[in-house]
C-alpha atoms as a PDB file:
ATOM      1  CA  UNK A   1      -2.527 -14.559  13.209  1.00  0.00           C
ATOM      2  CA  UNK A   2       0.666 -14.706  15.219  1.00  0.00           C
ATOM      3  CA  UNK A   3       3.093 -11.810  16.767  1.00  0.00           C
ATOM      4  CA  UNK A   4       5.451 -12.738  14.133  1.00  0.00           C
ATOM      5  CA  UNK A   5       2.782 -12.103  11.603  1.00  0.00           C
ATOM      6  CA  UNK A   6       1.097  -9.165  12.521  1.00  0.00           C
ATOM      7  CA  UNK A   7       4.048  -7.832  13.294  1.00  0.00           C
ATOM      8  CA  UNK A   8       5.120  -7.885   9.314  1.00  0.00           C
ATOM      9  CA  UNK A   9       2.192  -5.490   8.708  1.00  0.00           C
ATOM     10  CA  UNK A  10       2.788  -3.313  11.531  1.00  0.00           C
ATOM     11  CA  UNK A  11       4.306  -0.152   9.561  1.00  0.00           C
ATOM     12  CA  UNK A  12       2.602  -1.271   6.135  1.00  0.00           C
ATOM     13  CA  UNK A  13       1.048   2.945   6.350  1.00  0.00           C
ATOM     14  CA  UNK A  14       4.045   4.044   7.065  1.00  0.00           C
ATOM     15  CA  UNK A  15       6.259   2.305   4.258  1.00  0.00           C
ATOM     16  CA  UNK A  16       3.258   3.401   1.766  1.00  0.00           C
ATOM     17  CA  UNK A  17       3.457   7.195   3.004  1.00  0.00           C
ATOM     18  CA  UNK A  18       6.987   6.914   2.180  1.00  0.00           C
ATOM     19  CA  UNK A  19       6.575   5.521  -1.562  1.00  0.00           C
ATOM     20  CA  UNK A  20       3.816   7.868  -2.262  1.00  0.00           C
ATOM     21  CA  UNK A  21       6.298  10.691  -1.361  1.00  0.00           C
ATOM     22  CA  UNK A  22       8.291  10.275  -4.254  1.00  0.00           C
ATOM     23  CA  UNK A  23       5.560  10.547  -6.808  1.00  0.00           C
ATOM     24  CA  UNK A  24       2.118   8.908  -7.989  1.00  0.00           C
ATOM     25  CA  UNK A  25       1.860   5.053  -8.002  1.00  0.00           C
ATOM     26  CA  UNK A  26      -0.863   2.866  -8.449  1.00  0.00           C
ATOM     27  CA  UNK A  27      -1.960   0.052  -5.944  1.00  0.00           C
ATOM     28  CA  UNK A  28      -0.305  -2.514  -8.323  1.00  0.00           C
ATOM     29  CA  UNK A  29       3.174  -0.226  -8.568  1.00  0.00           C
ATOM     30  CA  UNK A  30       3.403   0.262  -4.801  1.00  0.00           C
ATOM     31  CA  UNK A  31       2.446  -3.754  -4.385  1.00  0.00           C
ATOM     32  CA  UNK A  32       5.222  -4.164  -6.938  1.00  0.00           C
ATOM     33  CA  UNK A  33       7.798  -2.288  -4.681  1.00  0.00           C
ATOM     34  CA  UNK A  34       6.890  -3.610  -1.464  1.00  0.00           C
ATOM     35  CA  UNK A  35       7.668  -7.149  -2.819  1.00  0.00           C
ATOM     36  CA  UNK A  36      10.776  -5.686  -4.225  1.00  0.00           C
ATOM     37  CA  UNK A  37      12.074  -3.326  -1.208  1.00  0.00           C
ATOM     38  CA  UNK A  38      10.480  -6.135   1.557  1.00  0.00           C
ATOM     39  CA  UNK A  39      10.621  -9.660  -0.151  1.00  0.00           C
ATOM     40  CA  UNK A  40       7.287 -11.602   1.875  1.00  0.00           C
ATOM     41  CA  UNK A  41       6.092  -8.438   3.615  1.00  0.00           C
ATOM     42  CA  UNK A  42       2.665  -8.223   1.375  1.00  0.00           C
ATOM     43  CA  UNK A  43       0.288 -10.963   0.571  1.00  0.00           C
ATOM     44  CA  UNK A  44      -1.598  -9.832  -1.909  1.00  0.00           C
ATOM     45  CA  UNK A  45      -3.556  -6.639  -3.790  1.00  0.00           C
ATOM     46  CA  UNK A  46      -6.271  -6.712  -1.467  1.00  0.00           C
ATOM     47  CA  UNK A  47      -3.883  -5.198   1.837  1.00  0.00           C
ATOM     48  CA  UNK A  48      -2.497  -2.591  -0.410  1.00  0.00           C
ATOM     49  CA  UNK A  49      -6.146  -1.524  -1.267  1.00  0.00           C
ATOM     50  CA  UNK A  50      -7.421  -2.041   2.317  1.00  0.00           C
ATOM     51  CA  UNK A  51      -4.482   0.238   3.622  1.00  0.00           C
ATOM     52  CA  UNK A  52      -5.303   2.543   0.979  1.00  0.00           C
ATOM     53  CA  UNK A  53      -9.047   3.067   1.730  1.00  0.00           C
ATOM     54  CA  UNK A  54      -7.967   3.173   5.406  1.00  0.00           C
ATOM     55  CA  UNK A  55      -5.412   6.026   4.858  1.00  0.00           C
ATOM     56  CA  UNK A  56      -7.778   8.068   2.776  1.00  0.00           C
ATOM     57  CA  UNK A  57     -10.862   7.697   5.281  1.00  0.00           C
ATOM     58  CA  UNK A  58      -8.206   9.125   7.815  1.00  0.00           C
ATOM     59  CA  UNK A  59      -7.228  12.200   5.915  1.00  0.00           C
ATOM     60  CA  UNK A  60      -3.681  10.847   4.922  1.00  0.00           C
ATOM     61  CA  UNK A  61      -4.391  11.108   0.983  1.00  0.00           C
ATOM     62  CA  UNK A  62      -6.470  11.239  -1.395  1.00  0.00           C
ATOM     63  CA  UNK A  63      -6.839   8.732  -4.302  1.00  0.00           C
ATOM     64  CA  UNK A  64      -7.523   9.537  -7.968  1.00  0.00           C
ATOM     65  CA  UNK A  65      -9.513   6.681  -9.846  1.00  0.00           C
ATOM     66  CA  UNK A  66      -8.341   6.927 -13.852  1.00  0.00           C
ATOM     67  CA  UNK A  67     -10.516   4.867 -16.187  1.00  0.00           C
ATOM     68  CA  UNK A  68      -8.540   3.305 -19.353  1.00  0.00           C
ATOM     69  CA  UNK A  69      -9.956   5.543 -22.658  1.00  0.00           C
ATOM     70  CA  UNK A  70     -11.516   3.526 -25.455  1.00  0.00           C
END
């Protein structure tokens, strides 16, 4: 990954925190918002999950899992 590619992901944590400051979002919703606001910024959902997992380990947020009923 070259310097231009790395710079695309440099501020992902900050962008996710700004999004989550509004309200709770699912990883899929976060991904969609990032794609809409910053086209080409995020490659796939795994990037969001890794970011959220790292942020939880660092104590920046807590993750709630909701299983569908039925």
